């Protein structure tokens, strides 16, 4: 069985965010960290070298593969802020239509500028995803 690639680490999320070179991306990441912490009531934790996550749960696929993952989180990438765990829940599609400028990837939402999206909708989307996270991997292999 393959070993899980992205696991929670003991690294400090605040140190990681402070190390982001691009000032705008760093500012957006610090704000997103605060929003996610407030909405989830969880402390931030590092997952792998570059993902900031909130909450966690254990999953097991029918294939036998299992592991732990964050409920919601983000990674400040060079071209966009990548948000994880926000898709695949009841009402997430409707909330995403109201979010503002974003693109979707497989299991993630890309936002170029945090200030360009509706913060209230983002908060609602995070809260909804966090509350429904443990059922989000049911459709996986």
Protein backbone atom coordinates (compact mmCIF):
# COMPACT_ATOMS: atom_id res chain seq x y z
CA UNK A 1 0.00 0.00 0.00
CA UNK A 2 1.34 3.44 -0.91
CA UNK A 3 2.37 5.70 1.94
CA UNK A 4 0.40 8.91 2.39
CA UNK A 5 2.33 11.83 0.90
CA UNK A 6 0.82 14.81 2.70
CA UNK A 7 0.78 14.45 6.47
CA UNK A 8 0.49 16.87 9.35
CA UNK A 9 3.85 18.17 10.55
CA UNK A 10 5.12 20.01 13.63
CA UNK A 11 6.19 23.04 11.56
CA UNK A 12 4.83 26.43 12.61
CA UNK A 13 2.22 27.79 10.17
CA UNK A 14 2.96 31.39 11.18
CA UNK A 15 6.66 30.97 10.40
CA UNK A 16 5.75 29.44 7.04
CA UNK A 17 3.39 32.31 6.19
CA UNK A 18 5.97 34.91 7.27
CA UNK A 19 8.46 33.34 4.85
CA UNK A 20 6.30 34.00 1.76
CA UNK A 21 8.32 36.38 -0.40
CA UNK A 22 5.49 37.98 -2.39
CA UNK A 23 4.00 40.62 -0.08
CA UNK A 24 0.48 40.48 -1.54
CA UNK A 25 0.39 36.67 -1.41
CA UNK A 26 1.72 36.77 2.17
CA UNK A 27 -0.93 39.33 3.22
CA UNK A 28 -3.70 37.26 1.61
CA UNK A 29 -2.39 34.08 3.25
CA UNK A 30 -2.30 35.65 6.72
CA UNK A 31 -5.85 36.94 6.25
CA UNK A 32 -7.08 33.58 4.96
CA UNK A 33 -5.46 31.85 7.94
CA UNK A 34 -7.35 34.19 10.29
CA UNK A 35 -10.65 33.65 8.45
CA UNK A 36 -10.31 29.85 8.48
CA UNK A 37 -9.30 29.80 12.16
CA UNK A 38 -12.26 31.98 13.11
CA UNK A 39 -14.79 30.01 11.04
CA UNK A 40 -13.58 26.54 12.08
CA UNK A 41 -12.56 27.29 15.66
CA UNK A 42 -9.41 25.25 14.97
CA UNK A 43 -5.74 26.14 15.26
CA UNK A 44 -3.78 26.10 12.01
CA UNK A 45 -1.43 23.18 11.37
CA UNK A 46 1.06 22.51 8.61
CA UNK A 47 0.35 19.62 6.24
CA UNK A 48 3.45 18.81 4.27
CA UNK A 49 5.84 21.68 3.59
CA UNK A 50 3.36 24.21 2.15
CA UNK A 51 -0.26 23.53 3.12
CA UNK A 52 -2.00 25.15 6.09
CA UNK A 53 -4.88 23.05 7.38
CA UNK A 54 -7.67 23.27 9.93
CA UNK A 55 -9.12 20.21 11.63
CA UNK A 56 -8.49 16.65 10.52
CA UNK A 57 -10.25 13.34 10.07
CA UNK A 58 -9.40 9.75 9.30
CA UNK A 59 -10.66 8.22 6.06
CA UNK A 60 -10.73 4.72 4.63
CA UNK A 61 -11.59 3.84 1.02
CA UNK A 62 -13.27 0.60 -0.04
CA UNK A 63 -9.92 -0.30 -1.62
CA UNK A 64 -8.38 -0.41 1.86
CA UNK A 65 -6.34 2.79 1.45
CA UNK A 66 -6.63 4.97 4.53
CA UNK A 67 -5.06 8.00 6.10
CA UNK A 68 -5.63 11.34 7.76
CA UNK A 69 -6.32 14.63 6.04
CA UNK A 70 -7.24 18.20 6.89
CA UNK A 71 -10.89 19.20 6.87
CA UNK A 72 -10.18 22.50 5.09
CA UNK A 73 -6.99 24.31 4.24
CA UNK A 74 -4.98 26.30 1.75
CA UNK A 75 -1.60 26.66 0.11
CA UNK A 76 -0.23 30.02 -1.04
CA UNK A 77 1.09 29.08 -4.48
CA UNK A 78 2.95 31.39 -6.85
CA UNK A 79 0.03 32.03 -9.23
CA UNK A 80 -2.97 31.66 -6.91
CA UNK A 81 -4.16 30.80 -3.43
CA UNK A 82 -5.18 27.13 -3.53
CA UNK A 83 -8.02 26.19 -1.16
CA UNK A 84 -8.66 22.56 -0.22
CA UNK A 85 -11.75 20.75 1.01
CA UNK A 86 -14.34 23.21 -0.27
CA UNK A 87 -15.89 21.07 -3.02
CA UNK A 88 -18.10 18.00 -3.05
CA UNK A 89 -20.48 18.95 -0.24
CA UNK A 90 -24.22 19.66 -0.33
CA UNK A 91 -24.65 23.29 -1.44
CA UNK A 92 -20.95 23.80 -2.29
CA UNK A 93 -21.72 24.22 -6.00
CA UNK A 94 -24.29 26.92 -5.26
CA UNK A 95 -21.93 28.73 -2.89
CA UNK A 96 -19.11 28.60 -5.43
CA UNK A 97 -21.34 30.33 -8.01
CA UNK A 98 -21.65 33.27 -5.59
CA UNK A 99 -18.01 33.34 -4.47
CA UNK A 100 -16.60 35.60 -7.14
CA UNK A 101 -13.62 35.10 -9.47
CA UNK A 102 -12.09 31.65 -9.02
CA UNK A 103 -11.23 28.53 -10.97
CA UNK A 104 -11.69 24.91 -9.99
CA UNK A 105 -9.20 22.08 -10.04
CA UNK A 106 -9.56 18.48 -9.02
CA UNK A 107 -10.50 18.90 -5.38
CA UNK A 108 -9.35 22.51 -5.03
CA UNK A 109 -10.43 26.09 -5.61
CA UNK A 110 -7.97 28.66 -6.99
CA UNK A 111 -8.28 32.33 -6.04
CA UNK A 112 -5.86 34.86 -7.50
CA UNK A 113 -6.80 37.77 -5.19
CA UNK A 114 -8.54 37.19 -1.89
CA UNK A 115 -10.00 40.71 -2.02
CA UNK A 116 -11.81 39.91 -5.27
CA UNK A 117 -14.10 37.28 -3.74
CA UNK A 118 -17.10 37.80 -1.47
CA UNK A 119 -15.71 37.24 2.03
CA UNK A 120 -19.13 36.40 3.49
CA UNK A 121 -19.67 33.69 0.87
CA UNK A 122 -16.12 32.42 1.46
CA UNK A 123 -16.83 32.17 5.19
CA UNK A 124 -20.09 30.33 4.50
CA UNK A 125 -18.32 27.97 2.10
CA UNK A 126 -15.57 27.22 4.64
CA UNK A 127 -18.11 26.63 7.44
CA UNK A 128 -20.19 24.36 5.21
CA UNK A 129 -17.17 22.39 4.01
CA UNK A 130 -15.75 22.04 7.52
CA UNK A 131 -19.06 20.74 8.88
CA UNK A 132 -19.40 18.20 6.05
CA UNK A 133 -15.74 17.22 5.62
CA UNK A 134 -15.91 13.66 6.87
CA UNK A 135 -18.34 12.64 4.13
CA UNK A 136 -16.37 14.31 1.34
CA UNK A 137 -14.17 11.32 0.52
CA UNK A 138 -17.00 8.77 0.30
CA UNK A 139 -16.97 8.91 -3.51
CA UNK A 140 -13.22 8.39 -3.81
CA UNK A 141 -11.70 5.09 -5.01
